[in-house]
């Protein structure tokens, strides 16, 4: 079973146990990545106010989503219908599916009265020393700069060839097998959208710490914790309407959302959450 199928099976179970609210609105941006712009996200909001995000800068495969998926037609549907788009063969469908999975998950948290611990750390509270070899899945320029300044040996796995290259500390590689040499790993949750999450986890079984982070990681972390992931850092949308407004105005999520970090050791687990919901 893959992380994706495990996650969808969990959504089936949740929706079988709880009366999950229907979709209130869907926000689908036409992504226009630019260095001076805030990162764009799409959003699915449920009638109970819970919302889930998807990363909208994957590339050309997300172009034209507004024409393919009518926001008006998606509103009012059961979120599990949208969640099953995660099985789609294209990034556009998987993106919407991911946002719906995140929305259902955030609804479970709300109903159980569970608020994931907030964090301001984009690196998932990883503790790094000069002896560590960090593996990073996804090239984040600001984080790479911090790691270079801290003199941390880092291997970055990145599909975009323009980032490839080596220097004395930072190596950028297209080969996911290079992760096997890293003792700590920071992985972007968007690997669930491009179907590389399972490959990453297969190559990091011997790492002492694996952290999955990103606004796309707003899902129930149980499938990842069962696979040895140490912590999952996601984003909780505090005010969905304000978040959509901010995204439309290129202001990012700002104060409309809150980063959090769920550690495996402190997480109550799906059984406890469902019993409270």
Protein backbone atom coordinates (compact mmCIF):
# COMPACT_ATOMS: atom_id res chain seq x y z
CA UNK A 1 0.00 0.00 0.00
CA UNK A 2 1.34 3.44 -0.92
CA UNK A 3 1.11 6.56 1.23
CA UNK A 4 -1.55 7.86 -1.14
CA UNK A 5 -3.76 4.75 -1.00
CA UNK A 6 -3.27 4.55 2.76
CA UNK A 7 -4.31 8.19 3.11
CA UNK A 8 -7.39 7.72 0.94
CA UNK A 9 -8.39 4.62 2.91
CA UNK A 10 -8.11 6.75 6.04
CA UNK A 11 -10.38 9.38 4.46
CA UNK A 12 -12.93 6.65 3.69
CA UNK A 13 -12.83 5.56 7.30
CA UNK A 14 -13.17 9.09 8.65
CA UNK A 15 -16.14 9.84 6.41
CA UNK A 16 -17.73 6.54 7.44
CA UNK A 17 -17.42 7.43 11.12
CA UNK A 18 -18.18 11.14 11.03
CA UNK A 19 -20.73 13.31 9.27
CA UNK A 20 -18.17 15.41 7.39
CA UNK A 21 -19.41 18.80 6.19
CA UNK A 22 -19.81 19.41 2.43
CA UNK A 23 -17.60 21.72 0.38
CA UNK A 24 -18.43 25.41 0.84
CA UNK A 25 -16.05 26.88 -1.72
CA UNK A 26 -12.99 26.07 -3.80
CA UNK A 27 -10.30 28.55 -4.81
CA UNK A 28 -8.30 27.58 -7.90
CA UNK A 29 -5.62 30.10 -8.96
CA UNK A 30 -4.00 30.22 -12.37
CA UNK A 31 -0.38 29.83 -11.19
CA UNK A 32 2.10 32.45 -12.31
CA UNK A 33 5.36 31.74 -10.47
CA UNK A 34 7.66 34.72 -10.17
CA UNK A 35 10.59 35.46 -7.88
CA UNK A 36 8.91 38.63 -6.59
CA UNK A 37 5.53 36.97 -5.96
CA UNK A 38 4.29 35.14 -2.90
CA UNK A 39 3.91 31.39 -3.37
CA UNK A 40 0.43 30.57 -4.61
CA UNK A 41 -1.90 27.99 -3.11
CA UNK A 42 -5.29 26.61 -3.99
CA UNK A 43 -7.83 25.98 -1.27
CA UNK A 44 -10.84 23.80 -0.45
CA UNK A 45 -13.08 25.02 2.39
CA UNK A 46 -15.81 22.95 4.07
CA UNK A 47 -19.07 24.28 5.53
CA UNK A 48 -17.69 23.87 9.06
CA UNK A 49 -14.86 26.33 8.26
CA UNK A 50 -12.09 23.73 7.97
CA UNK A 51 -9.87 24.27 4.93
CA UNK A 52 -7.09 22.49 3.09
CA UNK A 53 -4.39 23.82 0.79
CA UNK A 54 -2.51 22.62 -2.26
CA UNK A 55 0.74 23.96 -3.71
CA UNK A 56 -0.04 25.74 -6.98
CA UNK A 57 3.43 26.13 -8.48
CA UNK A 58 4.09 22.59 -9.71
CA UNK A 59 4.40 23.66 -13.34
CA UNK A 60 2.52 23.62 -16.62
CA UNK A 61 0.47 20.58 -15.60
CA UNK A 62 -1.60 22.84 -13.33
CA UNK A 63 -2.36 25.38 -16.05
CA UNK A 64 -6.01 25.70 -17.03
CA UNK A 65 -7.39 24.11 -13.85
CA UNK A 66 -10.17 26.71 -13.62
CA UNK A 67 -11.48 25.61 -17.02
CA UNK A 68 -11.25 21.91 -16.15
CA UNK A 69 -12.67 22.10 -12.64
CA UNK A 70 -15.53 24.57 -12.15
CA UNK A 71 -15.44 26.09 -8.68
CA UNK A 72 -19.25 26.46 -8.73
CA UNK A 73 -19.75 22.79 -9.62
CA UNK A 74 -17.41 21.62 -6.88
CA UNK A 75 -19.18 23.60 -4.15
CA UNK A 76 -21.80 21.56 -2.29
CA UNK A 77 -20.19 18.19 -3.05
CA UNK A 78 -19.03 15.75 -0.42
CA UNK A 79 -15.29 16.36 0.15
CA UNK A 80 -14.56 12.66 -0.19
CA UNK A 81 -15.53 12.95 -3.88
CA UNK A 82 -12.85 15.60 -4.32
CA UNK A 83 -10.35 13.67 -2.18
CA UNK A 84 -10.52 10.80 -4.65
CA UNK A 85 -9.09 13.14 -7.30
CA UNK A 86 -5.80 12.33 -5.54
CA UNK A 87 -5.83 9.14 -7.61
CA UNK A 88 -5.97 11.19 -10.80
CA UNK A 89 -3.32 10.71 -13.44
CA UNK A 90 -2.48 14.40 -13.60
CA UNK A 91 -1.13 17.06 -11.25
CA UNK A 92 -4.24 19.20 -11.55
CA UNK A 93 -6.58 16.51 -10.27
CA UNK A 94 -4.14 15.39 -7.58
CA UNK A 95 -3.81 18.99 -6.40
CA UNK A 96 -7.55 19.32 -5.76
CA UNK A 97 -7.61 15.88 -4.18
CA UNK A 98 -4.79 16.87 -1.83
CA UNK A 99 -6.60 20.03 -0.73
CA UNK A 100 -9.77 18.03 -0.02
CA UNK A 101 -7.83 15.44 2.00
CA UNK A 102 -6.31 18.30 3.99
CA UNK A 103 -9.71 19.92 4.54
CA UNK A 104 -11.20 16.66 5.86
CA UNK A 105 -8.18 16.17 8.11
CA UNK A 106 -8.42 19.70 9.51
CA UNK A 107 -12.13 19.11 10.16
CA UNK A 108 -11.22 16.00 12.19
CA UNK A 109 -8.75 18.04 14.24
CA UNK A 110 -11.42 20.69 14.90
CA UNK A 111 -14.10 18.22 15.94
CA UNK A 112 -11.72 16.42 18.28
CA UNK A 113 -10.60 19.69 19.86
CA UNK A 114 -7.02 19.00 18.79
CA UNK A 115 -4.89 22.00 17.85
CA UNK A 116 -1.53 20.97 16.37
CA UNK A 117 1.38 22.70 18.17
CA UNK A 118 2.25 25.95 16.37
CA UNK A 119 5.75 26.53 15.03
CA UNK A 120 7.63 29.28 13.27
CA UNK A 121 10.34 26.97 12.01
CA UNK A 122 10.20 26.16 8.29
CA UNK A 123 12.74 23.35 8.81
CA UNK A 124 10.53 21.27 11.06
CA UNK A 125 12.61 21.97 14.19
CA UNK A 126 15.46 19.84 12.89
CA UNK A 127 18.53 20.06 15.12
CA UNK A 128 21.64 20.05 12.95
CA UNK A 129 25.33 19.83 13.76
CA UNK A 130 28.56 19.81 11.77
CA UNK A 131 28.51 15.99 11.79
CA UNK A 132 25.13 15.75 10.08
CA UNK A 133 24.48 15.10 6.42
CA UNK A 134 21.10 16.60 5.62
CA UNK A 135 18.98 15.39 2.74
CA UNK A 136 16.50 17.94 1.40
CA UNK A 137 13.80 16.98 -1.09
CA UNK A 138 12.96 20.14 -3.01
CA UNK A 139 15.19 23.17 -3.55
CA UNK A 140 14.32 26.09 -1.28
CA UNK A 141 16.80 28.93 -1.89
CA UNK A 142 16.34 30.60 1.51
CA UNK A 143 16.86 27.33 3.38
CA UNK A 144 19.86 26.42 1.25
CA UNK A 145 21.41 29.80 2.08
CA UNK A 146 20.87 29.19 5.79
CA UNK A 147 22.43 25.74 5.58
CA UNK A 148 25.42 27.07 3.66
CA UNK A 149 25.96 29.78 6.30
CA UNK A 150 25.70 27.18 9.07
CA UNK A 151 28.23 24.95 7.25
CA UNK A 152 25.85 21.96 7.11
CA UNK A 153 26.64 19.34 4.49
CA UNK A 154 23.48 19.02 2.41
CA UNK A 155 22.27 16.94 -0.52
CA UNK A 156 19.28 18.49 -2.28
CA UNK A 157 17.11 16.31 -4.49
CA UNK A 158 15.50 18.49 -7.12
CA UNK A 159 13.84 17.59 -10.43
CA UNK A 160 14.40 21.02 -11.96
CA UNK A 161 17.74 20.77 -13.74
CA UNK A 162 18.50 24.49 -13.45
CA UNK A 163 19.33 23.94 -9.77
CA UNK A 164 21.77 21.07 -10.33
CA UNK A 165 25.41 21.45 -9.36
CA UNK A 166 27.87 21.03 -6.51
CA UNK A 167 30.01 23.10 -4.23
CA UNK A 168 31.99 22.32 -1.08
CA UNK A 169 28.88 21.89 1.12
CA UNK A 170 25.72 21.86 -0.98
CA UNK A 171 25.16 19.21 -3.61
CA UNK A 172 22.08 19.37 -5.85
CA UNK A 173 21.20 16.07 -7.46
CA UNK A 174 18.53 14.57 -9.70
CA UNK A 175 19.18 11.11 -8.23
CA UNK A 176 16.85 10.21 -5.35
CA UNK A 177 19.16 7.34 -4.38
CA UNK A 178 21.57 9.93 -2.96
CA UNK A 179 19.22 10.30 0.02
CA UNK A 180 20.40 6.98 1.41
CA UNK A 181 23.65 8.63 2.55
CA UNK A 182 21.84 11.26 4.67
CA UNK A 183 21.22 10.80 8.39
CA UNK A 184 18.55 13.52 8.57
CA UNK A 185 15.99 14.34 5.88
CA UNK A 186 13.67 17.29 5.24
CA UNK A 187 11.05 16.47 2.60
CA UNK A 188 8.47 18.72 0.98
CA UNK A 189 4.91 17.39 1.19
CA UNK A 190 4.41 18.22 -2.49
CA UNK A 191 6.08 14.85 -3.18
CA UNK A 192 2.58 13.45 -2.61
CA UNK A 193 1.46 15.42 -5.66
CA UNK A 194 4.22 14.19 -7.97
CA UNK A 195 4.03 10.60 -6.65
CA UNK A 196 7.59 10.48 -5.28
CA UNK A 197 6.81 10.30 -1.54
CA UNK A 198 7.08 6.50 -1.38
CA UNK A 199 10.40 6.53 -3.20
CA UNK A 200 11.73 9.09 -0.72
CA UNK A 201 10.65 7.03 2.29
CA UNK A 202 12.12 3.84 0.84
CA UNK A 203 15.52 5.54 0.64
CA UNK A 204 15.41 7.10 4.10
CA UNK A 205 14.61 4.03 6.23
CA UNK A 206 18.03 4.26 7.90
CA UNK A 207 17.88 8.01 8.59
CA UNK A 208 17.58 8.92 12.26
CA UNK A 209 15.15 11.77 11.57
CA UNK A 210 12.74 12.33 8.68
CA UNK A 211 10.51 15.41 8.66
CA UNK A 212 7.81 16.18 6.06
CA UNK A 213 6.80 19.83 5.83
CA UNK A 214 4.82 22.32 3.77
CA UNK A 215 1.33 23.80 3.50
CA UNK A 216 0.37 20.70 1.50
CA UNK A 217 1.03 18.60 4.65
CA UNK A 218 -2.27 19.48 6.33
CA UNK A 219 -3.40 15.85 6.31
CA UNK A 220 -3.75 13.31 9.12
CA UNK A 221 -0.13 12.19 9.72
CA UNK A 222 -0.90 8.58 10.69
CA UNK A 223 0.22 7.00 7.36
CA UNK A 224 3.57 8.82 7.55
CA UNK A 225 4.14 8.05 11.22
CA UNK A 226 3.54 4.36 10.50
CA UNK A 227 6.36 4.59 7.97
CA UNK A 228 8.83 6.06 10.44
CA UNK A 229 8.49 9.78 9.73
CA UNK A 230 9.48 11.74 12.85
CA UNK A 231 7.32 14.84 12.42
CA UNK A 232 4.89 16.45 9.98
CA UNK A 233 4.71 20.22 9.63
CA UNK A 234 1.61 21.62 7.99
CA UNK A 235 -0.49 24.76 7.85
CA UNK A 236 -3.82 25.43 9.54
CA UNK A 237 -6.01 27.99 7.78
CA UNK A 238 -7.52 30.19 10.47
CA UNK A 239 -9.86 32.18 8.21
CA UNK A 240 -10.52 30.67 4.78
CA UNK A 241 -12.31 33.68 3.32
CA UNK A 242 -9.51 36.01 4.40
CA UNK A 243 -6.93 33.52 3.10
CA UNK A 244 -8.52 33.50 -0.36
CA UNK A 245 -8.62 37.29 -0.37
CA UNK A 246 -4.93 37.47 0.61
CA UNK A 247 -3.94 34.97 -2.08
CA UNK A 248 -5.92 36.85 -4.73
CA UNK A 249 -4.07 40.03 -3.76
CA UNK A 250 -0.65 38.32 -3.81
CA UNK A 251 -0.14 38.81 -0.08
CA UNK A 252 0.54 35.16 0.69
CA UNK A 253 -1.30 33.49 3.56
CA UNK A 254 0.16 35.89 6.16
CA UNK A 255 -1.95 36.11 9.32
CA UNK A 256 -4.79 34.00 7.81
CA UNK A 257 -2.93 30.74 8.51
CA UNK A 258 -0.66 29.21 11.12
CA UNK A 259 2.22 26.79 10.71
CA UNK A 260 2.32 23.81 13.03
CA UNK A 261 4.49 20.78 13.73
CA UNK A 262 3.10 17.41 14.86
CA UNK A 263 5.72 15.10 16.35
CA UNK A 264 5.10 11.38 16.23
CA UNK A 265 5.75 11.02 19.96
CA UNK A 266 3.12 13.58 20.97
CA UNK A 267 0.38 12.80 18.46
CA UNK A 268 -2.82 11.25 19.90
CA UNK A 269 -3.53 9.13 16.81
CA UNK A 270 -6.59 8.65 14.64
CA UNK A 271 -8.39 6.35 17.10
CA UNK A 272 -8.32 8.99 19.83
CA UNK A 273 -9.33 11.75 17.39
CA UNK A 274 -12.31 9.80 16.08
CA UNK A 275 -13.46 8.93 19.59
CA UNK A 276 -13.55 12.65 20.39
CA UNK A 277 -15.19 13.66 17.12
